Amino acid sequence: MRELIESEIARGNAQLAPVAQIKRFHLFTKELDHDEGEVTATMKVRRASIYQAYAAEIEALYR
């Protein structure tokens, strides 16, 4: 799965300026869940909740 996503990102990046390209990404092991407060009832991401739950993974993307 990761290889497929990497190839699609590379394909998209080929059309973008270097500053706009995706350099790193993280795949979650589960779908974001309303019951766990990660998304609203209309499936909008609750950024503060996501950052709190996945802070280590997010910080690793910037190292």
N, C-alpha and C. Protein backbone atom coordinates (compact mmCIF):
# COMPACT_ATOMS: atom_id res chain seq x y z
N MET A 1 0.83 -1.19 0.00
CA MET A 1 0.00 0.00 0.00
C MET A 1 0.88 1.25 0.00
N ARG A 2 1.90 1.26 0.85
CA ARG A 2 2.78 2.43 0.93
C ARG A 2 3.44 2.72 -0.42
N GLU A 3 3.86 1.66 -1.11
CA GLU A 3 4.52 1.83 -2.41
C GLU A 3 3.58 2.48 -3.42
N LEU A 4 2.33 2.08 -3.42
CA LEU A 4 1.34 2.66 -4.32
C LEU A 4 1.17 4.15 -4.03
N ILE A 5 1.04 4.49 -2.77
CA ILE A 5 0.87 5.89 -2.39
C ILE A 5 2.12 6.69 -2.74
N GLU A 6 3.30 6.13 -2.47
CA GLU A 6 4.55 6.82 -2.82
C GLU A 6 4.63 7.09 -4.32
N SER A 7 4.22 6.12 -5.13
CA SER A 7 4.29 6.33 -6.58
C SER A 7 3.30 7.40 -7.04
N GLU A 8 2.13 7.45 -6.44
CA GLU A 8 1.15 8.48 -6.79
C GLU A 8 1.61 9.86 -6.35
N ILE A 9 2.23 9.93 -5.18
CA ILE A 9 2.78 11.21 -4.72
C ILE A 9 3.88 11.67 -5.66
N ALA A 10 4.76 10.75 -6.05
CA ALA A 10 5.85 11.10 -6.98
C ALA A 10 5.29 11.60 -8.30
N ARG A 11 4.22 10.97 -8.77
CA ARG A 11 3.59 11.40 -10.02
C ARG A 11 3.02 12.82 -9.88
N GLY A 12 2.36 13.08 -8.77
CA GLY A 12 1.83 14.42 -8.53
C GLY A 12 2.92 15.45 -8.32
N ASN A 13 3.97 15.06 -7.58
CA ASN A 13 5.08 15.97 -7.32
C ASN A 13 5.78 16.41 -8.60
N ALA A 14 5.78 15.56 -9.61
CA ALA A 14 6.44 15.88 -10.88
C ALA A 14 5.82 17.12 -11.53
N GLN A 15 4.58 17.43 -11.18
CA GLN A 15 3.88 18.56 -11.77
C GLN A 15 3.93 19.81 -10.88
N LEU A 16 4.60 19.70 -9.74
CA LEU A 16 4.62 20.81 -8.78
C LEU A 16 6.01 21.41 -8.64
N ALA A 17 6.03 22.65 -8.22
CA ALA A 17 7.30 23.29 -7.89
C ALA A 17 7.88 22.61 -6.65
N PRO A 18 9.19 22.58 -6.51
CA PRO A 18 9.81 21.91 -5.35
C PRO A 18 9.25 22.36 -4.00
N VAL A 19 8.95 23.63 -3.87
CA VAL A 19 8.44 24.15 -2.61
C VAL A 19 7.04 23.59 -2.27
N ALA A 20 6.28 23.17 -3.26
CA ALA A 20 4.93 22.67 -3.06
C ALA A 20 4.84 21.15 -3.00
N GLN A 21 5.95 20.47 -3.17
CA GLN A 21 5.95 19.01 -3.22
C GLN A 21 5.82 18.38 -1.83
N ILE A 22 5.21 17.21 -1.80
CA ILE A 22 5.11 16.42 -0.58
C ILE A 22 6.44 15.71 -0.40
N LYS A 23 7.07 15.93 0.74
CA LYS A 23 8.38 15.32 1.01
C LYS A 23 8.24 14.07 1.89
N ARG A 24 7.39 14.17 2.90
CA ARG A 24 7.20 13.06 3.85
C ARG A 24 5.72 12.91 4.14
N PHE A 25 5.32 11.70 4.48
CA PHE A 25 3.93 11.46 4.87
C PHE A 25 3.88 10.29 5.84
N HIS A 26 2.77 10.18 6.54
CA HIS A 26 2.57 9.10 7.51
C HIS A 26 1.23 8.45 7.22
N LEU A 27 1.19 7.14 7.21
CA LEU A 27 -0.06 6.41 7.04
C LEU A 27 -0.58 5.99 8.40
N PHE A 28 -1.79 6.37 8.72
CA PHE A 28 -2.40 5.94 9.97
C PHE A 28 -2.76 4.47 9.87
N THR A 29 -2.70 3.77 11.00
CA THR A 29 -3.02 2.35 11.00
C THR A 29 -4.51 2.10 11.14
N LYS A 30 -5.28 3.17 11.39
CA LYS A 30 -6.73 3.02 11.50
C LYS A 30 -7.41 4.24 10.90
N GLU A 31 -8.67 4.08 10.62
CA GLU A 31 -9.46 5.19 10.09
C GLU A 31 -9.80 6.15 11.23
N LEU A 32 -9.81 7.44 10.93
CA LEU A 32 -10.18 8.41 11.96
C LEU A 32 -11.63 8.17 12.37
N ASP A 33 -11.90 8.32 13.68
CA ASP A 33 -13.18 7.89 14.23
C ASP A 33 -13.90 9.02 14.96
N HIS A 34 -15.18 9.16 14.69
CA HIS A 34 -16.01 10.15 15.37
C HIS A 34 -16.13 9.83 16.85
N ASP A 35 -16.29 8.56 17.20
CA ASP A 35 -16.45 8.16 18.60
C ASP A 35 -15.23 8.47 19.45
N GLU A 36 -14.07 8.57 18.82
CA GLU A 36 -12.84 8.89 19.55
C GLU A 36 -12.52 10.37 19.48
N GLY A 37 -13.43 11.17 18.90
CA GLY A 37 -13.25 12.61 18.85
C GLY A 37 -12.26 13.10 17.81
N GLU A 38 -11.90 12.26 16.86
CA GLU A 38 -10.92 12.64 15.84
C GLU A 38 -11.56 13.41 14.68
N VAL A 39 -12.84 13.18 14.46
CA VAL A 39 -13.58 13.90 13.41
C VAL A 39 -14.95 14.30 13.97
N THR A 40 -15.56 15.28 13.33
CA THR A 40 -16.90 15.72 13.72
C THR A 40 -17.93 14.76 13.13
N ALA A 41 -19.19 14.99 13.45
CA ALA A 41 -20.26 14.16 12.91
C ALA A 41 -20.34 14.25 11.39
N THR A 42 -19.87 15.36 10.83
CA THR A 42 -19.86 15.53 9.37
C THR A 42 -18.51 15.18 8.76
N MET A 43 -17.68 14.48 9.54
CA MET A 43 -16.38 13.95 9.11
C MET A 43 -15.32 15.02 8.84
N LYS A 44 -15.44 16.15 9.49
CA LYS A 44 -14.38 17.17 9.41
C LYS A 44 -13.34 16.83 10.46
N VAL A 45 -12.08 16.92 10.09
CA VAL A 45 -10.99 16.56 11.00
C VAL A 45 -10.89 17.57 12.14
N ARG A 46 -10.79 17.05 13.35
CA ARG A 46 -10.56 17.89 14.53
C ARG A 46 -9.05 17.97 14.73
N ARG A 47 -8.45 19.00 14.20
CA ARG A 47 -7.00 19.11 14.16
C ARG A 47 -6.35 19.04 15.54
N ALA A 48 -6.92 19.71 16.52
CA ALA A 48 -6.32 19.70 17.86
C ALA A 48 -6.31 18.29 18.44
N SER A 49 -7.38 17.57 18.24
CA SER A 49 -7.47 16.19 18.72
C SER A 49 -6.47 15.29 18.01
N ILE A 50 -6.33 15.46 16.71
CA ILE A 50 -5.38 14.67 15.93
C ILE A 50 -3.95 14.97 16.37
N TYR A 51 -3.65 16.25 16.54
CA TYR A 51 -2.29 16.60 16.95
C TYR A 51 -1.98 16.02 18.32
N GLN A 52 -2.93 16.08 19.22
CA GLN A 52 -2.72 15.55 20.57
C GLN A 52 -2.50 14.04 20.54
N ALA A 53 -3.28 13.33 19.76
CA ALA A 53 -3.20 11.87 19.71
C ALA A 53 -1.98 11.37 18.93
N TYR A 54 -1.55 12.13 17.93
CA TYR A 54 -0.47 11.68 17.05
C TYR A 54 0.71 12.65 17.04
N ALA A 55 0.97 13.30 18.14
CA ALA A 55 2.03 14.31 18.22
C ALA A 55 3.40 13.75 17.83
N ALA A 56 3.73 12.56 18.30
CA ALA A 56 5.04 11.98 18.00
C ALA A 56 5.20 11.73 16.51
N GLU A 57 4.17 11.20 15.87
CA GLU A 57 4.22 10.92 14.44
C GLU A 57 4.32 12.21 13.62
N ILE A 58 3.58 13.22 14.04
CA ILE A 58 3.60 14.50 13.33
C ILE A 58 4.96 15.17 13.49
N GLU A 59 5.48 15.18 14.68
CA GLU A 59 6.80 15.78 14.92
C GLU A 59 7.88 15.06 14.12
N ALA A 60 7.78 13.75 13.98
CA ALA A 60 8.77 12.97 13.23
C ALA A 60 8.81 13.38 11.76
N LEU A 61 7.71 13.87 11.23
CA LEU A 61 7.68 14.32 9.84
C LEU A 61 8.53 15.57 9.62
N TYR A 62 8.79 16.31 10.67
CA TYR A 62 9.55 17.56 10.56
C TYR A 62 11.01 17.41 10.97
N ARG A 63 11.44 16.21 11.28
CA ARG A 63 12.85 15.99 11.66
C ARG A 63 13.66 15.58 10.48
